[in-house]
C-alpha atoms as a PDB file:
ATOM      1  CA  MET A   1     120.904 106.432 146.096  1.00  0.00           C
ATOM      2  CA  GLY A   2     121.206 110.142 145.688  1.00  0.00           C
ATOM      3  CA  PHE A   3     120.505 112.321 142.695  1.00  0.00           C
ATOM      4  CA  LEU A   4     120.797 115.886 141.376  1.00  0.00           C
ATOM      5  CA  THR A   5     117.946 118.063 140.111  1.00  0.00           C
ATOM      6  CA  THR A   6     117.514 121.709 139.134  1.00  0.00           C
ATOM      7  CA  HIS A   7     114.678 124.159 138.581  1.00  0.00           C
ATOM      8  CA  VAL A   8     114.783 127.716 137.200  1.00  0.00           C
ATOM      9  CA  LEU A   9     112.241 130.454 137.832  1.00  0.00           C
ATOM     10  CA  ASP A  10     112.137 133.589 135.675  1.00  0.00           C
ATOM     11  CA  THR A  11     111.649 136.331 138.279  1.00  0.00           C
ATOM     12  CA  MET A  12     111.220 139.047 135.649  1.00  0.00           C
ATOM     13  CA  ASN A  13     108.120 137.426 134.173  1.00  0.00           C
ATOM     14  CA  GLY A  14     106.993 135.433 137.205  1.00  0.00           C
ATOM     15  CA  CYS A  15     107.086 132.027 135.516  1.00  0.00           C
ATOM     16  CA  PRO A  16     109.203 128.896 135.050  1.00  0.00           C
ATOM     17  CA  ALA A  17     112.155 129.406 132.672  1.00  0.00           C
ATOM     18  CA  ALA A  18     110.871 126.984 130.029  1.00  0.00           C
ATOM     19  CA  GLY A  19     113.419 126.335 127.287  1.00  0.00           C
ATOM     20  CA  MET A  20     116.461 127.660 129.160  1.00  0.00           C
ATOM     21  CA  ARG A  21     119.575 125.623 128.319  1.00  0.00           C
ATOM     22  CA  VAL A  22     121.597 124.205 131.195  1.00  0.00           C
ATOM     23  CA  ALA A  23     124.912 122.337 131.123  1.00  0.00           C
ATOM     24  CA  LEU A  24     126.241 120.114 133.903  1.00  0.00           C
ATOM     25  CA  TYR A  25     129.988 119.664 134.427  1.00  0.00           C
ATOM     26  CA  ARG A  26     132.081 117.647 136.847  1.00  0.00           C
ATOM     27  CA  ILE A  27     135.161 119.578 137.972  1.00  0.00           C
ATOM     28  CA  ASP A  28     138.354 117.618 138.605  1.00  0.00           C
ATOM     29  CA  GLY A  29     141.174 119.951 139.601  1.00  0.00           C
ATOM     30  CA  ASP A  30     140.653 122.923 137.299  1.00  0.00           C
ATOM     31  CA  LEU A  31     139.218 120.911 134.408  1.00  0.00           C
ATOM     32  CA  PRO A  32     135.458 120.908 133.891  1.00  0.00           C
ATOM     33  CA  THR A  33     134.128 117.862 132.010  1.00  0.00           C
ATOM     34  CA  LEU A  34     130.736 118.226 130.328  1.00  0.00           C
ATOM     35  CA  LEU A  35     128.366 115.518 131.559  1.00  0.00           C
ATOM     36  CA  ARG A  36     125.040 116.642 130.155  1.00  0.00           C
ATOM     37  CA  GLU A  37     123.155 119.474 128.457  1.00  0.00           C
ATOM     38  CA  VAL A  38     119.388 119.955 128.671  1.00  0.00           C
ATOM     39  CA  ALA A  39     116.624 122.385 127.762  1.00  0.00           C
ATOM     40  CA  LEU A  40     114.252 122.954 130.668  1.00  0.00           C
ATOM     41  CA  ASP A  41     110.652 121.798 130.306  1.00  0.00           C
ATOM     42  CA  ALA A  42     107.466 123.877 130.679  1.00  0.00           C
ATOM     43  CA  ASP A  43     107.839 123.758 134.473  1.00  0.00           C
ATOM     44  CA  GLY A  44     111.436 125.056 134.312  1.00  0.00           C
ATOM     45  CA  ARG A  45     112.822 121.633 135.243  1.00  0.00           C
ATOM     46  CA  ALA A  46     115.195 119.225 133.527  1.00  0.00           C
ATOM     47  CA  GLY A  47     112.449 116.598 133.251  1.00  0.00           C
ATOM     48  CA  GLY A  48     114.127 114.291 135.758  1.00  0.00           C
ATOM     49  CA  PRO A  49     117.430 113.924 137.571  1.00  0.00           C
ATOM     50  CA  LEU A  50     120.488 115.429 135.890  1.00  0.00           C
ATOM     51  CA  LEU A  51     122.672 112.869 137.615  1.00  0.00           C
ATOM     52  CA  GLU A  52     121.765 109.696 139.494  1.00  0.00           C
ATOM     53  CA  GLY A  53     122.697 106.125 140.238  1.00  0.00           C
ATOM     54  CA  GLY A  54     126.239 105.007 139.516  1.00  0.00           C
ATOM     55  CA  ALA A  55     127.065 108.345 137.873  1.00  0.00           C
ATOM     56  CA  PHE A  56     126.259 110.302 141.056  1.00  0.00           C
ATOM     57  CA  HIS A  57     129.456 110.741 143.072  1.00  0.00           C
ATOM     58  CA  ALA A  58     130.757 113.087 145.729  1.00  0.00           C
ATOM     59  CA  GLY A  59     132.821 115.869 144.200  1.00  0.00           C
ATOM     60  CA  ARG A  60     132.770 119.322 142.650  1.00  0.00           C
ATOM     61  CA  TYR A  61     130.250 120.217 139.943  1.00  0.00           C
ATOM     62  CA  ARG A  62     129.110 123.190 137.887  1.00  0.00           C
ATOM     63  CA  LEU A  63     125.707 124.014 136.465  1.00  0.00           C
ATOM     64  CA  ALA A  64     125.909 126.630 133.699  1.00  0.00           C
ATOM     65  CA  PHE A  65     122.617 128.393 132.961  1.00  0.00           C
ATOM     66  CA  GLU A  66     122.154 130.227 129.629  1.00  0.00           C
ATOM     67  CA  VAL A  67     120.302 133.170 131.166  1.00  0.00           C
ATOM     68  CA  GLY A  68     121.082 135.743 128.441  1.00  0.00           C
ATOM     69  CA  ALA A  69     119.989 133.484 125.577  1.00  0.00           C
ATOM     70  CA  TYR A  70     116.790 132.629 127.447  1.00  0.00           C
ATOM     71  CA  PHE A  71     115.790 136.286 127.918  1.00  0.00           C
ATOM     72  CA  ARG A  72     116.758 137.196 124.351  1.00  0.00           C
ATOM     73  CA  ALA A  73     114.513 134.364 123.105  1.00  0.00           C
ATOM     74  CA  ARG A  74     111.663 135.884 125.160  1.00  0.00           C
ATOM     75  CA  GLY A  75     112.158 139.150 123.256  1.00  0.00           C
ATOM     76  CA  ILE A  76     113.928 141.081 126.006  1.00  0.00           C
ATOM     77  CA  ALA A  77     116.316 143.683 124.578  1.00  0.00           C
ATOM     78  CA  LEU A  78     119.597 143.157 126.402  1.00  0.00           C
ATOM     79  CA  PRO A  79     122.708 145.322 126.072  1.00  0.00           C
ATOM     80  CA  GLU A  80     125.765 143.873 124.378  1.00  0.00           C
ATOM     81  CA  PRO A  81     127.387 142.427 126.287  1.00  0.00           C
ATOM     82  CA  ALA A  82     124.512 141.427 128.553  1.00  0.00           C
ATOM     83  CA  PHE A  83     124.967 142.023 132.273  1.00  0.00           C
ATOM     84  CA  LEU A  84     124.252 138.314 132.867  1.00  0.00           C
ATOM     85  CA  ASP A  85     124.816 135.917 130.025  1.00  0.00           C
ATOM     86  CA  ARG A  86     125.974 132.489 131.152  1.00  0.00           C
ATOM     87  CA  VAL A  87     125.596 131.959 134.904  1.00  0.00           C
ATOM     88  CA  PRO A  88     127.936 129.273 136.275  1.00  0.00           C
ATOM     89  CA  LEU A  89     127.176 127.804 139.704  1.00  0.00           C
ATOM     90  CA  ASP A  90     129.963 125.767 141.264  1.00  0.00           C
ATOM     91  CA  PHE A  91     128.882 123.523 144.119  1.00  0.00           C
ATOM     92  CA  GLY A  92     129.960 120.417 145.969  1.00  0.00           C
ATOM     93  CA  ILE A  93     128.268 117.096 146.566  1.00  0.00           C
ATOM     94  CA  ALA A  94     129.506 115.669 149.848  1.00  0.00           C
ATOM     95  CA  ASP A  95     126.951 112.895 150.376  1.00  0.00           C
ATOM     96  CA  ALA A  96     126.229 110.788 147.291  1.00  0.00           C
ATOM     97  CA  SER A  97     123.268 109.160 149.073  1.00  0.00           C
ATOM     98  CA  SER A  98     121.355 112.477 149.328  1.00  0.00           C
ATOM     99  CA  HIS A  99     119.119 114.445 146.975  1.00  0.00           C
ATOM    100  CA  TYR A 100     120.791 117.675 145.865  1.00  0.00           C
ATOM    101  CA  HIS A 101     118.403 120.207 144.345  1.00  0.00           C
ATOM    102  CA  VAL A 102     120.001 123.375 142.924  1.00  0.00           C
ATOM    103  CA  PRO A 103     117.334 125.933 141.985  1.00  0.00           C
ATOM    104  CA  LEU A 104     118.039 129.250 140.276  1.00  0.00           C
ATOM    105  CA  LEU A 105     115.905 132.393 140.447  1.00  0.00           C
ATOM    106  CA  ALA A 106     116.928 134.623 137.550  1.00  0.00           C
ATOM    107  CA  SER A 107     116.258 137.919 135.800  1.00  0.00           C
ATOM    108  CA  PRO A 108     118.451 139.677 133.224  1.00  0.00           C
ATOM    109  CA  TRP A 109     120.085 141.598 136.098  1.00  0.00           C
ATOM    110  CA  SER A 110     120.190 139.278 139.101  1.00  0.00           C
ATOM    111  CA  TYR A 111     120.122 135.692 140.288  1.00  0.00           C
ATOM    112  CA  SER A 112     120.061 133.712 143.494  1.00  0.00           C
ATOM    113  CA  THR A 113     120.395 130.087 144.385  1.00  0.00           C
ATOM    114  CA  TYR A 114     120.251 127.790 147.388  1.00  0.00           C
ATOM    115  CA  ARG A 115     120.260 124.101 148.202  1.00  0.00           C
ATOM    116  CA  GLY A 116     116.640 123.142 147.828  1.00  0.00           C
ATOM    117  CA  SER A 117     114.754 120.015 148.727  1.00  0.00           C
END
């Protein structure tokens, strides 16, 4: 059985993004349905799979990372509106028997992602 995980690294401070809020949505047509919200642990991880077992299906999904709120909570003065606030990542799961890992590297001004292992 496959599963979905995420991990966020704060590239401004060179550390895991502990406490960042992340929401997971399934997207059917144009309608996103909230499946789960988490705060990342001290290692910048969700503390386990975000989706697994019978709930893990092929389809379109979105992870929404609260980057602006995270950096504000760390005391970073951001302009209003912030350049990056909520970062949505839309991705597809084609093989529900695989592990999908969606990491995010983030600063207040940039981000990157990839399919990790």
